[in-house]
Amino acid sequence: MGIYEEIKYLLAKENITLTAISKELQQRNHEKLTLSNLSRKIKSQTIKFEEVREIANILGYHIKFEKNK
């Protein structure tokens, strides 16, 4: 599953929209990360790791690296 599918899955699971995430990111970072820019970054997989971490944090998740078995 790619980042687009992962984020979409978590948004649906937590019943929150990408619009709400975009607004929260703008408030936290004081950046102009518009909904269209965020959506484009996710779909094209050019989103920065820190932005993904922030989205996860907003949704109440953290990113964990695990060694392959």
C-alpha atoms as a PDB file:
ATOM      1  CA  MET A   1       0.000   0.000   0.000  1.00  0.00           C
ATOM      2  CA  GLY A   2       1.392   3.424  -0.958  1.00  0.00           C
ATOM      3  CA  ILE A   3       1.281   6.620   1.057  1.00  0.00           C
ATOM      4  CA  TYR A   4      -1.874   7.785  -0.757  1.00  0.00           C
ATOM      5  CA  GLU A   5      -3.780   4.645   0.201  1.00  0.00           C
ATOM      6  CA  GLU A   6      -2.407   4.669   3.750  1.00  0.00           C
ATOM      7  CA  ILE A   7      -3.457   8.252   4.398  1.00  0.00           C
ATOM      8  CA  LYS A   8      -6.863   7.751   2.790  1.00  0.00           C
ATOM      9  CA  TYR A   9      -7.388   4.633   4.924  1.00  0.00           C
ATOM     10  CA  LEU A  10      -6.509   6.488   8.131  1.00  0.00           C
ATOM     11  CA  LEU A  11      -8.705   9.446   7.219  1.00  0.00           C
ATOM     12  CA  ALA A  12     -11.670   7.128   6.695  1.00  0.00           C
ATOM     13  CA  LYS A  13     -10.892   5.148   9.851  1.00  0.00           C
ATOM     14  CA  GLU A  14     -10.732   8.314  11.956  1.00  0.00           C
ATOM     15  CA  ASN A  15     -13.666   9.945  10.131  1.00  0.00           C
ATOM     16  CA  ILE A  16     -11.778  13.119   9.252  1.00  0.00           C
ATOM     17  CA  THR A  17     -11.383  14.889   5.931  1.00  0.00           C
ATOM     18  CA  LEU A  18      -8.249  15.945   4.141  1.00  0.00           C
ATOM     19  CA  THR A  19      -9.672  19.476   4.326  1.00  0.00           C
ATOM     20  CA  ALA A  20      -9.610  19.327   8.127  1.00  0.00           C
ATOM     21  CA  ILE A  21      -6.066  17.953   8.073  1.00  0.00           C
ATOM     22  CA  SER A  22      -4.965  20.729   5.716  1.00  0.00           C
ATOM     23  CA  LYS A  23      -6.454  23.399   7.993  1.00  0.00           C
ATOM     24  CA  GLU A  24      -4.791  21.894  11.065  1.00  0.00           C
ATOM     25  CA  LEU A  25      -1.424  21.735   9.285  1.00  0.00           C
ATOM     26  CA  GLN A  26      -1.773  25.388   8.300  1.00  0.00           C
ATOM     27  CA  GLN A  27      -2.509  26.365  11.905  1.00  0.00           C
ATOM     28  CA  ARG A  28       0.392  24.324  13.313  1.00  0.00           C
ATOM     29  CA  ASN A  29       3.024  25.340  10.787  1.00  0.00           C
ATOM     30  CA  HIS A  30       1.782  28.764   9.747  1.00  0.00           C
ATOM     31  CA  GLU A  31       2.324  27.656   6.155  1.00  0.00           C
ATOM     32  CA  LYS A  32       0.120  27.931   3.132  1.00  0.00           C
ATOM     33  CA  LEU A  33      -0.305  24.215   2.614  1.00  0.00           C
ATOM     34  CA  THR A  34      -3.595  24.391   0.773  1.00  0.00           C
ATOM     35  CA  LEU A  35      -5.897  21.453   0.320  1.00  0.00           C
ATOM     36  CA  SER A  36      -5.022  21.199  -3.367  1.00  0.00           C
ATOM     37  CA  ASN A  37      -1.267  21.303  -2.644  1.00  0.00           C
ATOM     38  CA  LEU A  38      -1.575  18.665   0.071  1.00  0.00           C
ATOM     39  CA  SER A  39      -3.731  16.433  -2.119  1.00  0.00           C
ATOM     40  CA  ARG A  40      -1.275  16.773  -5.027  1.00  0.00           C
ATOM     41  CA  LYS A  41       1.698  15.950  -2.803  1.00  0.00           C
ATOM     42  CA  ILE A  42       0.002  12.841  -1.436  1.00  0.00           C
ATOM     43  CA  LYS A  43      -1.186  11.573  -4.820  1.00  0.00           C
ATOM     44  CA  SER A  44       2.157  12.164  -6.509  1.00  0.00           C
ATOM     45  CA  GLN A  45       4.035  10.765  -3.493  1.00  0.00           C
ATOM     46  CA  THR A  46       6.171  13.893  -3.175  1.00  0.00           C
ATOM     47  CA  ILE A  47       5.018  14.637   0.360  1.00  0.00           C
ATOM     48  CA  LYS A  48       7.803  15.209   2.884  1.00  0.00           C
ATOM     49  CA  PHE A  49       8.323  12.752   5.713  1.00  0.00           C
ATOM     50  CA  GLU A  50       7.790  15.511   8.276  1.00  0.00           C
ATOM     51  CA  GLU A  51       4.417  16.329   6.703  1.00  0.00           C
ATOM     52  CA  VAL A  52       3.402  12.671   6.891  1.00  0.00           C
ATOM     53  CA  ARG A  53       4.523  12.604  10.520  1.00  0.00           C
ATOM     54  CA  GLU A  54       2.402  15.688  11.247  1.00  0.00           C
ATOM     55  CA  ILE A  55      -0.641  14.113   9.587  1.00  0.00           C
ATOM     56  CA  ALA A  56      -0.132  10.960  11.633  1.00  0.00           C
ATOM     57  CA  ASN A  57       0.168  13.047  14.776  1.00  0.00           C
ATOM     58  CA  ILE A  58      -3.054  14.930  14.013  1.00  0.00           C
ATOM     59  CA  LEU A  59      -4.811  11.600  13.521  1.00  0.00           C
ATOM     60  CA  GLY A  60      -3.412  10.287  16.813  1.00  0.00           C
ATOM     61  CA  TYR A  61      -0.803   7.930  15.327  1.00  0.00           C
ATOM     62  CA  HIS A  62       2.969   7.739  15.294  1.00  0.00           C
ATOM     63  CA  ILE A  63       5.245   6.252  12.672  1.00  0.00           C
ATOM     64  CA  LYS A  64       7.258   3.251  13.753  1.00  0.00           C
ATOM     65  CA  PHE A  65      10.112   1.586  11.890  1.00  0.00           C
ATOM     66  CA  GLU A  66      10.399  -2.150  12.354  1.00  0.00           C
ATOM     67  CA  LYS A  67      13.187  -4.405  11.172  1.00  0.00           C
ATOM     68  CA  ASN A  68      12.193  -6.925   8.506  1.00  0.00           C
ATOM     69  CA  LYS A  69      11.889 -10.476   9.684  1.00  0.00           C
END
